[in-house]
């Protein structure tokens, strides 16, 4: 799960978390969940894309 992924959980009323799925290639349109989550933390769509590219290049250079 290299630079980005989306992992979905189900949280029970008792507070137990169950992993539903790991999406290794989540949607990346401006209205997809990952960009919306990034925006919640103050990272706009162009900055998110730039961060993914920069992290990917860094990982590539380390190999």
N, C-alpha and C. Protein backbone atom coordinates (compact mmCIF):
# COMPACT_ATOMS: atom_id res chain seq x y z
N UNK A 1 0.84 -1.17 0.00
CA UNK A 1 0.00 0.00 0.00
C UNK A 1 0.88 1.23 0.00
N UNK A 2 1.67 1.34 -1.03
CA UNK A 2 2.70 2.36 -1.18
C UNK A 2 2.40 3.76 -0.71
N UNK A 3 2.08 4.65 -1.60
CA UNK A 3 1.97 6.07 -1.28
C UNK A 3 0.57 6.43 -0.78
N UNK A 4 -0.45 5.86 -1.37
CA UNK A 4 -1.80 6.15 -0.89
C UNK A 4 -2.71 4.96 -1.15
N UNK A 5 -3.69 4.83 -0.31
CA UNK A 5 -4.72 3.80 -0.42
C UNK A 5 -5.90 4.26 0.42
N UNK A 6 -7.01 3.58 0.27
CA UNK A 6 -8.16 3.85 1.13
C UNK A 6 -8.56 2.53 1.77
N UNK A 7 -8.67 2.52 3.08
CA UNK A 7 -9.07 1.31 3.80
C UNK A 7 -10.39 1.61 4.50
N UNK A 8 -11.39 0.79 4.20
CA UNK A 8 -12.72 1.00 4.76
C UNK A 8 -12.93 0.09 5.96
N UNK A 9 -13.47 0.68 7.02
CA UNK A 9 -13.76 -0.05 8.26
C UNK A 9 -15.23 0.10 8.60
N UNK A 10 -15.73 -0.88 9.32
CA UNK A 10 -17.06 -0.82 9.91
C UNK A 10 -16.86 -0.76 11.41
N UNK A 11 -17.47 0.21 12.06
CA UNK A 11 -17.36 0.36 13.50
C UNK A 11 -18.68 -0.04 14.14
N UNK A 12 -18.63 -1.04 15.03
CA UNK A 12 -19.84 -1.51 15.69
C UNK A 12 -20.25 -0.55 16.81
N UNK A 13 -21.45 -0.72 17.30
CA UNK A 13 -21.92 0.09 18.43
C UNK A 13 -21.06 -0.11 19.66
N UNK A 14 -20.39 -1.27 19.75
CA UNK A 14 -19.52 -1.58 20.88
C UNK A 14 -18.12 -1.01 20.70
N UNK A 15 -17.86 -0.38 19.57
CA UNK A 15 -16.55 0.22 19.33
C UNK A 15 -15.54 -0.71 18.68
N UNK A 16 -15.98 -1.88 18.21
CA UNK A 16 -15.08 -2.79 17.52
C UNK A 16 -14.99 -2.39 16.05
N UNK A 17 -13.78 -2.39 15.52
CA UNK A 17 -13.57 -2.03 14.11
C UNK A 17 -13.31 -3.29 13.29
N UNK A 18 -13.98 -3.39 12.17
CA UNK A 18 -13.80 -4.50 11.24
C UNK A 18 -13.36 -3.93 9.90
N UNK A 19 -12.26 -4.46 9.38
CA UNK A 19 -11.77 -4.01 8.07
C UNK A 19 -12.65 -4.62 6.98
N UNK A 20 -13.23 -3.77 6.16
CA UNK A 20 -14.08 -4.24 5.07
C UNK A 20 -13.28 -4.49 3.80
N UNK A 21 -12.41 -3.55 3.45
CA UNK A 21 -11.61 -3.71 2.24
C UNK A 21 -10.46 -2.71 2.22
N UNK A 22 -9.42 -3.07 1.51
CA UNK A 22 -8.31 -2.16 1.24
C UNK A 22 -8.35 -1.85 -0.25
N UNK A 23 -8.54 -0.60 -0.58
CA UNK A 23 -8.60 -0.17 -1.97
C UNK A 23 -7.26 0.46 -2.31
N UNK A 24 -6.45 -0.27 -3.06
CA UNK A 24 -5.09 0.19 -3.37
C UNK A 24 -5.05 1.21 -4.50
N UNK A 25 -6.18 1.44 -5.14
CA UNK A 25 -6.25 2.45 -6.19
C UNK A 25 -7.58 3.20 -6.07
N UNK A 26 -7.73 3.99 -5.01
CA UNK A 26 -9.00 4.70 -4.81
C UNK A 26 -9.20 5.80 -5.84
N UNK A 27 -10.44 6.21 -5.99
CA UNK A 27 -10.77 7.27 -6.92
C UNK A 27 -9.97 8.54 -6.64
N UNK A 28 -9.59 9.24 -7.70
CA UNK A 28 -8.81 10.46 -7.54
C UNK A 28 -9.40 11.63 -8.31
N UNK A 29 -10.71 11.60 -8.55
CA UNK A 29 -11.33 12.80 -9.11
C UNK A 29 -11.50 13.80 -7.97
N UNK A 30 -11.67 15.06 -8.26
CA UNK A 30 -11.81 16.04 -7.18
C UNK A 30 -12.96 15.74 -6.21
N UNK A 31 -13.96 14.96 -6.65
CA UNK A 31 -15.10 14.66 -5.78
C UNK A 31 -14.99 13.28 -5.12
N UNK A 32 -13.89 12.57 -5.32
CA UNK A 32 -13.70 11.25 -4.71
C UNK A 32 -13.41 11.40 -3.21
N UNK A 33 -13.52 10.30 -2.48
CA UNK A 33 -13.36 10.34 -1.03
C UNK A 33 -11.97 10.79 -0.59
N UNK A 34 -10.92 10.29 -1.23
CA UNK A 34 -9.57 10.64 -0.79
C UNK A 34 -9.31 12.15 -0.89
N UNK A 35 -9.60 12.80 -2.01
CA UNK A 35 -9.42 14.25 -2.06
C UNK A 35 -10.32 15.00 -1.07
N UNK A 36 -11.52 14.48 -0.82
CA UNK A 36 -12.40 15.12 0.16
C UNK A 36 -11.79 15.02 1.56
N UNK A 37 -11.23 13.85 1.89
CA UNK A 37 -10.59 13.68 3.20
C UNK A 37 -9.38 14.59 3.33
N UNK A 38 -8.59 14.71 2.26
CA UNK A 38 -7.42 15.59 2.29
C UNK A 38 -7.86 17.04 2.49
N UNK A 39 -8.93 17.44 1.82
CA UNK A 39 -9.44 18.81 1.95
C UNK A 39 -9.87 19.09 3.39
N UNK A 40 -10.40 18.08 4.04
CA UNK A 40 -10.81 18.24 5.44
C UNK A 40 -9.62 18.64 6.31
N UNK A 41 -8.43 18.17 5.94
CA UNK A 41 -7.21 18.48 6.69
C UNK A 41 -6.42 19.63 6.08
N UNK A 42 -7.05 20.37 5.15
CA UNK A 42 -6.44 21.57 4.61
C UNK A 42 -5.59 21.39 3.38
N UNK A 43 -5.64 20.21 2.75
CA UNK A 43 -4.83 19.95 1.56
C UNK A 43 -5.73 19.99 0.34
N UNK A 44 -5.55 21.00 -0.53
CA UNK A 44 -6.40 21.10 -1.71
C UNK A 44 -6.00 20.05 -2.75
N UNK A 45 -6.85 19.89 -3.77
CA UNK A 45 -6.65 18.83 -4.76
C UNK A 45 -5.30 18.91 -5.48
N UNK A 46 -4.91 20.08 -6.01
CA UNK A 46 -3.59 20.14 -6.67
C UNK A 46 -2.44 19.80 -5.71
N UNK A 47 -2.53 20.24 -4.48
CA UNK A 47 -1.47 19.93 -3.50
C UNK A 47 -1.44 18.45 -3.17
N UNK A 48 -2.61 17.82 -3.09
CA UNK A 48 -2.67 16.37 -2.86
C UNK A 48 -1.99 15.62 -4.00
N UNK A 49 -2.32 15.98 -5.24
CA UNK A 49 -1.71 15.32 -6.40
C UNK A 49 -0.20 15.52 -6.40
N UNK A 50 0.24 16.73 -6.09
CA UNK A 50 1.68 17.01 -6.03
C UNK A 50 2.36 16.18 -4.94
N UNK A 51 1.72 16.06 -3.80
CA UNK A 51 2.29 15.27 -2.70
C UNK A 51 2.41 13.80 -3.10
N UNK A 52 1.41 13.26 -3.79
CA UNK A 52 1.45 11.86 -4.22
C UNK A 52 2.60 11.66 -5.21
N UNK A 53 2.75 12.58 -6.16
CA UNK A 53 3.84 12.48 -7.13
C UNK A 53 5.19 12.56 -6.43
N UNK A 54 5.35 13.52 -5.53
CA UNK A 54 6.63 13.68 -4.83
C UNK A 54 6.97 12.46 -3.98
N UNK A 55 6.00 11.92 -3.26
CA UNK A 55 6.24 10.72 -2.45
C UNK A 55 6.57 9.52 -3.33
N UNK A 56 5.90 9.42 -4.48
CA UNK A 56 6.18 8.32 -5.41
C UNK A 56 7.59 8.42 -5.96
N UNK A 57 8.01 9.63 -6.33
CA UNK A 57 9.38 9.82 -6.83
C UNK A 57 10.41 9.50 -5.76
N UNK A 58 10.14 9.90 -4.54
CA UNK A 58 11.05 9.61 -3.43
C UNK A 58 11.18 8.10 -3.23
N UNK A 59 10.06 7.38 -3.26
CA UNK A 59 10.11 5.92 -3.12
C UNK A 59 10.89 5.29 -4.27
N UNK A 60 10.69 5.80 -5.49
CA UNK A 60 11.38 5.27 -6.66
C UNK A 60 12.88 5.47 -6.54
N UNK A 61 13.30 6.65 -6.06
CA UNK A 61 14.72 6.95 -5.91
C UNK A 61 15.38 6.08 -4.85
N UNK A 62 14.62 5.62 -3.87
CA UNK A 62 15.17 4.80 -2.79
C UNK A 62 15.38 3.35 -3.20
N UNK A 63 14.78 2.95 -4.30
CA UNK A 63 14.88 1.54 -4.74
C UNK A 63 16.18 1.28 -5.44
